[in-house]
N, C-alpha and C. Protein backbone atom coordinates (compact mmCIF):
# COMPACT_ATOMS: atom_id res chain seq x y z
N MET A 1 0.82 -1.19 0.00
CA MET A 1 0.00 0.00 0.00
C MET A 1 0.87 1.27 0.00
N ARG A 2 1.90 1.28 0.85
CA ARG A 2 2.80 2.44 0.90
C ARG A 2 3.48 2.65 -0.45
N TYR A 3 3.77 1.54 -1.11
CA TYR A 3 4.42 1.60 -2.41
C TYR A 3 3.54 2.34 -3.41
N TYR A 4 2.23 2.07 -3.41
CA TYR A 4 1.29 2.73 -4.32
C TYR A 4 1.13 4.21 -3.97
N ILE A 5 1.14 4.53 -2.71
CA ILE A 5 1.02 5.93 -2.29
C ILE A 5 2.25 6.70 -2.75
N LEU A 6 3.43 6.10 -2.60
CA LEU A 6 4.66 6.74 -3.03
C LEU A 6 4.66 6.97 -4.54
N ILE A 7 4.24 5.98 -5.31
CA ILE A 7 4.18 6.12 -6.77
C ILE A 7 3.16 7.20 -7.14
N GLY A 8 2.02 7.22 -6.47
CA GLY A 8 1.00 8.24 -6.74
C GLY A 8 1.52 9.64 -6.43
N ALA A 9 2.23 9.80 -5.31
CA ALA A 9 2.78 11.11 -4.94
C ALA A 9 3.82 11.55 -5.97
N LEU A 10 4.67 10.66 -6.39
CA LEU A 10 5.68 11.00 -7.41
C LEU A 10 5.03 11.39 -8.72
N PHE A 11 3.95 10.69 -9.10
CA PHE A 11 3.22 11.02 -10.33
C PHE A 11 2.64 12.43 -10.24
N LEU A 12 2.02 12.77 -9.10
CA LEU A 12 1.44 14.11 -8.92
C LEU A 12 2.52 15.18 -8.96
N LEU A 13 3.64 14.93 -8.28
CA LEU A 13 4.72 15.91 -8.27
C LEU A 13 5.29 16.12 -9.66
N SER A 14 5.45 15.05 -10.43
CA SER A 14 6.00 15.21 -11.77
C SER A 14 5.05 15.99 -12.66
N ASN A 15 3.74 15.79 -12.51
CA ASN A 15 2.77 16.56 -13.30
C ASN A 15 2.75 18.01 -12.88
N CYS A 16 2.88 18.29 -11.57
CA CYS A 16 2.89 19.66 -11.09
C CYS A 16 4.12 20.40 -11.60
N SER A 17 5.25 19.74 -11.62
CA SER A 17 6.47 20.42 -12.04
C SER A 17 6.42 20.79 -13.52
N GLN A 18 5.63 20.09 -14.32
CA GLN A 18 5.52 20.43 -15.73
C GLN A 18 4.71 21.70 -15.93
N LYS A 19 3.87 22.05 -14.96
CA LYS A 19 3.01 23.23 -15.10
C LYS A 19 3.71 24.51 -14.63
N ILE A 20 4.85 24.40 -13.97
CA ILE A 20 5.57 25.58 -13.50
C ILE A 20 6.20 26.27 -14.70
N GLU A 21 5.95 27.57 -14.81
CA GLU A 21 6.50 28.34 -15.93
C GLU A 21 7.98 28.60 -15.71
N GLU A 22 8.73 28.68 -16.79
CA GLU A 22 10.15 28.99 -16.70
C GLU A 22 10.32 30.45 -16.32
N VAL A 23 11.28 30.72 -15.48
CA VAL A 23 11.58 32.08 -15.06
C VAL A 23 12.65 32.64 -15.99
N ASP A 24 12.44 33.85 -16.45
CA ASP A 24 13.40 34.49 -17.35
C ASP A 24 14.55 35.05 -16.52
N ILE A 25 15.71 34.42 -16.55
CA ILE A 25 16.84 34.87 -15.75
C ILE A 25 17.57 36.03 -16.40
N LYS A 26 17.13 36.47 -17.56
CA LYS A 26 17.80 37.57 -18.24
C LYS A 26 17.12 38.91 -17.97
N LYS A 27 16.24 38.96 -16.99
CA LYS A 27 15.57 40.21 -16.64
C LYS A 27 16.63 41.21 -16.19
N SER A 28 16.62 42.40 -16.77
CA SER A 28 17.67 43.35 -16.48
C SER A 28 17.21 44.54 -15.66
N HIS A 29 15.92 44.70 -15.50
CA HIS A 29 15.41 45.82 -14.72
C HIS A 29 14.65 45.28 -13.51
N PRO A 30 14.99 45.76 -12.34
CA PRO A 30 14.22 45.36 -11.15
C PRO A 30 12.79 45.88 -11.26
N SER A 31 11.98 45.56 -10.30
CA SER A 31 10.58 45.97 -10.34
C SER A 31 10.47 47.44 -9.94
N HIS A 32 10.81 48.30 -10.88
CA HIS A 32 10.77 49.74 -10.68
C HIS A 32 10.06 50.34 -11.88
N VAL A 33 9.19 51.29 -11.66
CA VAL A 33 8.50 51.95 -12.76
C VAL A 33 9.33 53.15 -13.18
N TYR A 34 9.87 53.10 -14.40
CA TYR A 34 10.67 54.20 -14.91
C TYR A 34 9.75 55.22 -15.58
N ASN A 35 10.11 56.48 -15.47
CA ASN A 35 9.35 57.56 -16.07
C ASN A 35 10.08 58.00 -17.33
N PHE A 36 9.63 57.50 -18.50
CA PHE A 36 10.26 57.83 -19.77
C PHE A 36 9.69 59.15 -20.30
N VAL A 37 10.57 60.01 -20.80
CA VAL A 37 10.16 61.33 -21.29
C VAL A 37 10.89 61.64 -22.59
N ASN A 38 10.41 62.68 -23.26
CA ASN A 38 11.10 63.22 -24.43
C ASN A 38 12.00 64.35 -23.93
N ALA A 39 13.30 64.12 -23.91
CA ALA A 39 14.25 65.09 -23.34
C ALA A 39 14.29 66.39 -24.13
N ASP A 40 13.86 66.38 -25.39
CA ASP A 40 13.88 67.59 -26.20
C ASP A 40 12.94 68.66 -25.66
N GLU A 41 12.00 68.27 -24.81
CA GLU A 41 11.04 69.22 -24.25
C GLU A 41 11.65 70.06 -23.13
N TYR A 42 12.81 69.69 -22.66
CA TYR A 42 13.44 70.38 -21.54
C TYR A 42 14.67 71.15 -22.01
N ALA A 43 14.95 72.25 -21.35
CA ALA A 43 16.13 73.05 -21.68
C ALA A 43 17.31 72.50 -20.89
N LEU A 44 17.95 71.48 -21.43
CA LEU A 44 19.06 70.84 -20.73
C LEU A 44 20.36 71.51 -21.12
N ASN A 45 21.12 71.97 -20.13
CA ASN A 45 22.36 72.65 -20.44
C ASN A 45 23.58 72.04 -19.76
N TYR A 46 23.41 70.96 -19.04
CA TYR A 46 24.53 70.30 -18.36
C TYR A 46 24.49 68.82 -18.71
N TYR A 47 25.61 68.30 -19.23
CA TYR A 47 25.70 66.90 -19.65
C TYR A 47 26.94 66.26 -19.04
N GLU A 48 26.80 65.03 -18.59
CA GLU A 48 27.94 64.28 -18.09
C GLU A 48 27.94 62.87 -18.68
N THR A 49 29.15 62.36 -18.90
CA THR A 49 29.35 60.96 -19.24
C THR A 49 30.15 60.38 -18.08
N VAL A 50 29.64 59.27 -17.53
CA VAL A 50 30.21 58.71 -16.31
C VAL A 50 30.62 57.26 -16.57
N TYR A 51 31.82 56.92 -16.11
CA TYR A 51 32.35 55.56 -16.18
C TYR A 51 32.06 54.88 -14.84
N VAL A 52 31.44 53.70 -14.90
CA VAL A 52 31.09 52.97 -13.68
C VAL A 52 31.73 51.59 -13.75
N PRO A 53 32.76 51.32 -12.93
CA PRO A 53 33.35 49.98 -12.95
C PRO A 53 32.40 48.95 -12.34
N VAL A 54 32.26 47.82 -13.02
CA VAL A 54 31.42 46.73 -12.51
C VAL A 54 32.19 45.42 -12.71
N TYR A 55 31.81 44.43 -11.97
CA TYR A 55 32.47 43.13 -12.04
C TYR A 55 31.39 42.06 -12.17
N SER A 56 31.34 41.38 -13.32
CA SER A 56 30.38 40.27 -13.43
C SER A 56 30.94 39.02 -12.79
N ASP A 57 32.25 39.01 -12.60
CA ASP A 57 32.91 37.95 -11.83
C ASP A 57 34.26 38.47 -11.38
N ILE A 58 34.83 37.79 -10.39
CA ILE A 58 36.18 38.10 -9.95
C ILE A 58 36.95 36.79 -9.83
N TYR A 59 38.26 36.90 -9.91
CA TYR A 59 39.10 35.71 -9.80
C TYR A 59 39.23 35.30 -8.33
N HIS A 60 39.36 33.97 -8.11
CA HIS A 60 39.63 33.50 -6.76
C HIS A 60 40.47 32.23 -6.82
N LEU A 61 40.87 31.76 -5.67
CA LEU A 61 41.78 30.62 -5.51
C LEU A 61 43.09 30.92 -6.21
N ASP A 62 43.43 30.18 -7.25
CA ASP A 62 44.72 30.36 -7.92
C ASP A 62 44.63 31.33 -9.11
N GLY A 63 43.52 32.02 -9.26
CA GLY A 63 43.36 32.97 -10.36
C GLY A 63 42.78 32.36 -11.62
N THR A 64 42.56 31.06 -11.62
CA THR A 64 41.97 30.42 -12.80
C THR A 64 40.48 30.18 -12.64
N ARG A 65 39.97 30.38 -11.45
CA ARG A 65 38.54 30.20 -11.20
C ARG A 65 37.88 31.55 -11.02
N ARG A 66 36.62 31.59 -11.42
CA ARG A 66 35.88 32.85 -11.34
C ARG A 66 34.70 32.71 -10.38
N PHE A 67 34.49 33.74 -9.61
CA PHE A 67 33.38 33.82 -8.67
C PHE A 67 32.33 34.71 -9.30
N LYS A 68 31.18 34.16 -9.66
CA LYS A 68 30.11 34.90 -10.35
C LYS A 68 29.44 35.89 -9.40
N LEU A 69 29.10 37.06 -9.93
CA LEU A 69 28.50 38.12 -9.13
C LEU A 69 27.26 38.69 -9.82
N THR A 70 26.33 39.14 -9.03
CA THR A 70 25.22 39.94 -9.52
C THR A 70 25.60 41.40 -9.30
N THR A 71 25.42 42.22 -10.31
CA THR A 71 25.78 43.64 -10.21
C THR A 71 24.53 44.50 -10.30
N THR A 72 24.43 45.46 -9.40
CA THR A 72 23.39 46.48 -9.46
C THR A 72 24.06 47.83 -9.66
N VAL A 73 23.70 48.53 -10.72
CA VAL A 73 24.16 49.90 -10.91
C VAL A 73 23.05 50.80 -10.37
N SER A 74 23.39 51.54 -9.33
CA SER A 74 22.42 52.41 -8.65
C SER A 74 22.68 53.85 -9.05
N ILE A 75 21.63 54.53 -9.52
CA ILE A 75 21.72 55.94 -9.90
C ILE A 75 20.76 56.71 -9.01
N ARG A 76 21.32 57.59 -8.20
CA ARG A 76 20.53 58.33 -7.20
C ARG A 76 20.61 59.83 -7.47
N ASN A 77 19.46 60.45 -7.56
CA ASN A 77 19.40 61.90 -7.72
C ASN A 77 19.43 62.50 -6.32
N THR A 78 20.53 63.15 -5.98
CA THR A 78 20.69 63.71 -4.63
C THR A 78 20.13 65.12 -4.49
N SER A 79 19.60 65.67 -5.57
CA SER A 79 19.04 67.02 -5.53
C SER A 79 17.68 67.02 -4.83
N LEU A 80 17.45 68.05 -4.05
CA LEU A 80 16.15 68.23 -3.40
C LEU A 80 15.13 68.89 -4.32
N SER A 81 15.61 69.50 -5.44
CA SER A 81 14.68 70.27 -6.27
C SER A 81 14.79 70.03 -7.77
N ASP A 82 15.90 69.49 -8.26
CA ASP A 82 16.11 69.38 -9.70
C ASP A 82 16.04 67.93 -10.18
N SER A 83 15.41 67.74 -11.33
CA SER A 83 15.36 66.42 -11.96
C SER A 83 16.61 66.20 -12.79
N ALA A 84 16.90 64.93 -13.07
CA ALA A 84 18.00 64.55 -13.96
C ALA A 84 17.41 63.65 -15.03
N PHE A 85 18.13 63.52 -16.14
CA PHE A 85 17.66 62.74 -17.27
C PHE A 85 18.75 61.75 -17.68
N ILE A 86 18.43 60.47 -17.63
CA ILE A 86 19.37 59.43 -18.05
C ILE A 86 19.17 59.25 -19.55
N LEU A 87 20.18 59.59 -20.33
CA LEU A 87 20.09 59.53 -21.78
C LEU A 87 20.50 58.16 -22.32
N SER A 88 21.49 57.53 -21.67
CA SER A 88 21.91 56.20 -22.08
C SER A 88 22.66 55.53 -20.94
N ALA A 89 22.65 54.21 -20.96
CA ALA A 89 23.40 53.39 -20.02
C ALA A 89 23.80 52.12 -20.77
N THR A 90 25.08 52.00 -21.08
CA THR A 90 25.55 50.85 -21.85
C THR A 90 26.52 50.02 -21.02
N TYR A 91 26.42 48.72 -21.21
CA TYR A 91 27.25 47.75 -20.49
C TYR A 91 28.33 47.24 -21.43
N HIS A 92 29.59 47.29 -20.98
CA HIS A 92 30.74 46.92 -21.80
C HIS A 92 31.55 45.81 -21.12
N ASP A 93 32.19 44.97 -21.92
CA ASP A 93 33.03 43.91 -21.36
C ASP A 93 34.43 44.45 -21.05
N SER A 94 35.30 43.59 -20.59
CA SER A 94 36.67 43.98 -20.21
C SER A 94 37.47 44.55 -21.36
N TYR A 95 37.06 44.30 -22.60
CA TYR A 95 37.77 44.79 -23.78
C TYR A 95 37.12 46.04 -24.37
N GLY A 96 36.06 46.53 -23.74
CA GLY A 96 35.39 47.73 -24.22
C GLY A 96 34.26 47.49 -25.20
N LYS A 97 34.00 46.24 -25.52
CA LYS A 97 32.91 45.92 -26.46
C LYS A 97 31.56 46.13 -25.77
N THR A 98 30.64 46.79 -26.46
CA THR A 98 29.31 47.00 -25.92
C THR A 98 28.54 45.68 -25.92
N LEU A 99 28.05 45.29 -24.75
CA LEU A 99 27.29 44.06 -24.61
C LEU A 99 25.79 44.30 -24.58
N LYS A 100 25.37 45.42 -23.99
CA LYS A 100 23.93 45.67 -23.86
C LYS A 100 23.68 47.15 -23.63
N GLU A 101 22.60 47.63 -24.23
CA GLU A 101 22.13 48.98 -23.97
C GLU A 101 20.92 48.87 -23.05
N TYR A 102 20.99 49.52 -21.90
CA TYR A 102 19.94 49.40 -20.90
C TYR A 102 18.87 50.49 -21.03
N VAL A 103 19.14 51.53 -21.80
CA VAL A 103 18.18 52.64 -21.92
C VAL A 103 17.86 52.83 -23.39
N ASP A 104 16.58 52.71 -23.74
CA ASP A 104 16.18 52.95 -25.13
C ASP A 104 15.34 54.21 -25.28
N SER A 105 15.08 54.88 -24.16
CA SER A 105 14.36 56.14 -24.16
C SER A 105 14.79 56.90 -22.91
N THR A 106 14.80 58.21 -22.96
CA THR A 106 15.26 59.02 -21.84
C THR A 106 14.43 58.76 -20.59
N ILE A 107 15.14 58.56 -19.47
CA ILE A 107 14.47 58.30 -18.18
C ILE A 107 14.58 59.54 -17.31
N LEU A 108 13.45 60.02 -16.84
CA LEU A 108 13.40 61.14 -15.90
C LEU A 108 13.64 60.59 -14.50
N VAL A 109 14.61 61.19 -13.79
CA VAL A 109 14.88 60.81 -12.41
C VAL A 109 14.56 62.04 -11.56
N SER A 110 13.45 62.00 -10.88
CA SER A 110 12.96 63.13 -10.08
C SER A 110 13.86 63.37 -8.87
N PRO A 111 13.71 64.52 -8.22
CA PRO A 111 14.51 64.79 -7.02
C PRO A 111 14.37 63.65 -5.99
N LEU A 112 15.51 63.21 -5.48
CA LEU A 112 15.64 62.15 -4.48
C LEU A 112 15.21 60.76 -4.96
N GLU A 113 14.91 60.63 -6.25
CA GLU A 113 14.54 59.32 -6.80
C GLU A 113 15.80 58.52 -7.12
N SER A 114 15.68 57.21 -7.06
CA SER A 114 16.76 56.29 -7.43
C SER A 114 16.26 55.31 -8.47
N ILE A 115 17.14 54.97 -9.41
CA ILE A 115 16.83 53.90 -10.36
C ILE A 115 18.03 52.95 -10.37
N GLU A 116 17.84 51.79 -10.94
CA GLU A 116 18.92 50.83 -10.97
C GLU A 116 18.82 49.94 -12.20
N PHE A 117 19.98 49.41 -12.57
CA PHE A 117 20.10 48.43 -13.65
C PHE A 117 20.85 47.24 -13.08
N VAL A 118 20.47 46.04 -13.53
CA VAL A 118 21.05 44.83 -12.96
C VAL A 118 21.69 43.98 -14.05
N VAL A 119 22.89 43.49 -13.76
CA VAL A 119 23.55 42.47 -14.57
C VAL A 119 23.44 41.19 -13.76
N GLU A 120 22.72 40.22 -14.29
CA GLU A 120 22.43 39.01 -13.53
C GLU A 120 23.68 38.15 -13.33
N GLU A 121 23.65 37.34 -12.32
CA GLU A 121 24.78 36.50 -11.94
C GLU A 121 25.21 35.56 -13.06
N PHE A 122 24.28 35.11 -13.89
CA PHE A 122 24.59 34.11 -14.91
C PHE A 122 25.19 34.70 -16.17
N GLU A 123 25.29 36.04 -16.25
CA GLU A 123 25.93 36.68 -17.39
C GLU A 123 27.41 36.37 -17.30
N ASN A 124 28.01 35.90 -18.36
CA ASN A 124 29.41 35.49 -18.28
C ASN A 124 30.30 36.16 -19.32
N MET A 125 29.88 37.30 -19.84
CA MET A 125 30.66 37.95 -20.90
C MET A 125 31.39 39.20 -20.44
N GLY A 126 30.94 39.84 -19.36
CA GLY A 126 31.53 41.11 -18.93
C GLY A 126 32.94 40.98 -18.39
N GLY A 127 33.10 40.11 -17.42
CA GLY A 127 34.41 39.89 -16.83
C GLY A 127 34.76 40.84 -15.72
N ALA A 128 35.99 40.69 -15.24
CA ALA A 128 36.46 41.49 -14.10
C ALA A 128 36.73 42.94 -14.46
N GLY A 129 36.80 43.27 -15.74
CA GLY A 129 37.03 44.65 -16.17
C GLY A 129 35.83 45.29 -16.83
N ALA A 130 34.64 44.74 -16.60
CA ALA A 130 33.42 45.28 -17.22
C ALA A 130 33.11 46.67 -16.69
N ASN A 131 32.27 47.40 -17.43
CA ASN A 131 31.89 48.74 -16.99
C ASN A 131 30.58 49.16 -17.63
N PHE A 132 29.98 50.17 -17.04
CA PHE A 132 28.84 50.88 -17.60
C PHE A 132 29.31 52.27 -17.99
N ILE A 133 28.78 52.78 -19.07
CA ILE A 133 28.93 54.19 -19.42
C ILE A 133 27.53 54.78 -19.33
N VAL A 134 27.36 55.76 -18.44
CA VAL A 134 26.06 56.40 -18.22
C VAL A 134 26.17 57.85 -18.69
N GLU A 135 25.24 58.24 -19.57
CA GLU A 135 25.16 59.63 -20.02
C GLU A 135 23.89 60.23 -19.44
N TRP A 136 24.05 61.39 -18.82
CA TRP A 136 22.89 62.03 -18.21
C TRP A 136 22.97 63.54 -18.41
N ALA A 137 21.84 64.20 -18.19
CA ALA A 137 21.77 65.64 -18.37
C ALA A 137 20.83 66.24 -17.33
N SER A 138 20.95 67.57 -17.14
CA SER A 138 20.06 68.28 -16.23
C SER A 138 19.98 69.75 -16.65
N ASN A 139 19.15 70.49 -15.96
CA ASN A 139 19.00 71.91 -16.22
C ASN A 139 20.07 72.73 -15.50
N ASN A 140 20.65 72.19 -14.48
CA ASN A 140 21.66 72.89 -13.68
C ASN A 140 22.95 72.10 -13.68
N HIS A 141 24.06 72.80 -13.59
CA HIS A 141 25.34 72.09 -13.55
C HIS A 141 25.80 71.91 -12.09
N VAL A 142 25.22 70.93 -11.49
CA VAL A 142 25.58 70.56 -10.11
C VAL A 142 25.86 69.06 -10.07
N ASP A 143 26.66 68.65 -9.13
CA ASP A 143 26.92 67.22 -8.95
C ASP A 143 25.72 66.59 -8.25
N GLN A 144 24.68 66.34 -9.01
CA GLN A 144 23.45 65.88 -8.39
C GLN A 144 23.24 64.38 -8.45
N LEU A 145 24.00 63.65 -9.26
CA LEU A 145 23.82 62.20 -9.32
C LEU A 145 24.92 61.49 -8.56
N LEU A 146 24.52 60.50 -7.80
CA LEU A 146 25.45 59.57 -7.15
C LEU A 146 25.26 58.24 -7.87
N ILE A 147 26.31 57.79 -8.56
CA ILE A 147 26.23 56.56 -9.33
C ILE A 147 27.24 55.57 -8.74
N GLN A 148 26.74 54.42 -8.33
CA GLN A 148 27.58 53.39 -7.72
C GLN A 148 27.21 52.04 -8.32
N SER A 149 28.14 51.10 -8.23
CA SER A 149 27.80 49.72 -8.57
C SER A 149 28.04 48.86 -7.34
N ILE A 150 27.10 47.97 -7.11
CA ILE A 150 27.16 47.08 -5.97
C ILE A 150 27.20 45.66 -6.51
N MET A 151 28.20 44.90 -6.10
CA MET A 151 28.33 43.52 -6.55
C MET A 151 28.13 42.60 -5.35
N ILE A 152 27.41 41.50 -5.60
CA ILE A 152 27.17 40.53 -4.54
C ILE A 152 27.15 39.15 -5.15
N GLY A 153 27.67 38.19 -4.42
CA GLY A 153 27.66 36.81 -4.89
C GLY A 153 27.73 35.85 -3.71
N THR A 154 27.10 34.70 -3.88
CA THR A 154 27.17 33.66 -2.87
C THR A 154 27.42 32.33 -3.57
N TYR A 155 28.19 31.51 -2.91
CA TYR A 155 28.44 30.17 -3.41
C TYR A 155 28.72 29.29 -2.21
N ASP A 156 27.92 28.23 -2.07
CA ASP A 156 28.06 27.33 -0.93
C ASP A 156 27.92 28.17 0.34
N LYS A 157 28.93 28.20 1.18
CA LYS A 157 28.88 28.99 2.42
C LYS A 157 29.68 30.28 2.29
N GLN A 158 30.12 30.59 1.08
CA GLN A 158 30.93 31.78 0.82
C GLN A 158 30.05 32.90 0.29
N GLY A 159 30.23 34.09 0.81
CA GLY A 159 29.51 35.25 0.32
C GLY A 159 30.46 36.43 0.18
N ILE A 160 30.21 37.25 -0.81
CA ILE A 160 31.06 38.41 -1.03
C ILE A 160 30.19 39.56 -1.53
N SER A 161 30.53 40.76 -1.11
CA SER A 161 29.84 41.94 -1.63
C SER A 161 30.81 43.12 -1.53
N PHE A 162 30.72 44.02 -2.50
CA PHE A 162 31.54 45.22 -2.47
C PHE A 162 30.93 46.28 -3.37
N LEU A 163 31.45 47.49 -3.26
CA LEU A 163 30.90 48.67 -3.92
C LEU A 163 31.99 49.34 -4.74
N SER A 164 31.62 49.89 -5.91
CA SER A 164 32.54 50.68 -6.73
C SER A 164 31.92 52.05 -6.98
N GLU A 165 32.76 53.05 -6.97
CA GLU A 165 32.32 54.42 -7.25
C GLU A 165 32.54 54.74 -8.73
N SER A 166 31.78 55.68 -9.25
CA SER A 166 31.90 56.08 -10.64
C SER A 166 32.89 57.23 -10.80
N LYS A 167 33.22 57.52 -12.06
CA LYS A 167 34.14 58.61 -12.37
C LYS A 167 33.61 59.36 -13.59
N VAL A 168 33.52 60.68 -13.48
CA VAL A 168 33.11 61.51 -14.61
C VAL A 168 34.25 61.52 -15.63
N ILE A 169 33.92 61.17 -16.89
CA ILE A 169 34.94 61.17 -17.94
C ILE A 169 34.71 62.25 -19.00
N LYS A 170 33.54 62.88 -18.95
CA LYS A 170 33.26 63.97 -19.89
C LYS A 170 32.19 64.87 -19.27
N ARG A 171 32.36 66.16 -19.45
CA ARG A 171 31.40 67.13 -18.92
C ARG A 171 31.22 68.24 -19.95
N VAL A 172 29.96 68.56 -20.27
CA VAL A 172 29.66 69.62 -21.23
C VAL A 172 28.65 70.55 -20.60
N ILE A 173 28.99 71.85 -20.60
CA ILE A 173 28.09 72.88 -20.08
C ILE A 173 27.74 73.80 -21.24
N LYS A 174 26.45 73.87 -21.55
CA LYS A 174 25.99 74.76 -22.64
C LYS A 174 25.46 76.04 -22.02
N ASP A 175 25.79 77.15 -22.65
CA ASP A 175 25.30 78.46 -22.13
C ASP A 175 24.06 78.89 -22.82
């Protein structure tokens, strides 16, 4: 009798597992509602291009093994009164090759709002020298965006997390 119950339970479990939908592991945007706008409607006179170091993996042990990481690029508008506009955000590998464009339309980042982009743990093309190039604009020329990348990974009982700061590589002020 127990044998038949076990077979019946296994049959039910196998049928249930077939009904579970596959999860898309390539999702690149967290559950955040972005406010897309037409930037031409605004009088933007300050533009920055920012380099953001990210790591899709890091070397460990003897340097031949890689520790996979999930990366979050966090963009925070620190202004109490001015909005910022994200014009583009591109992800590049260690050799500078563009792997993905994360912005296909201008994103409005309101005062004190934060947005983020995610490189999933299973992405294996970026490498230890990967980066984002973020282009943004505003009406005022103030250092109003804080852009950081946060990397986190776990394997077995090992966990690692660290933060990287961005660097402005181009600045244009229109009069």
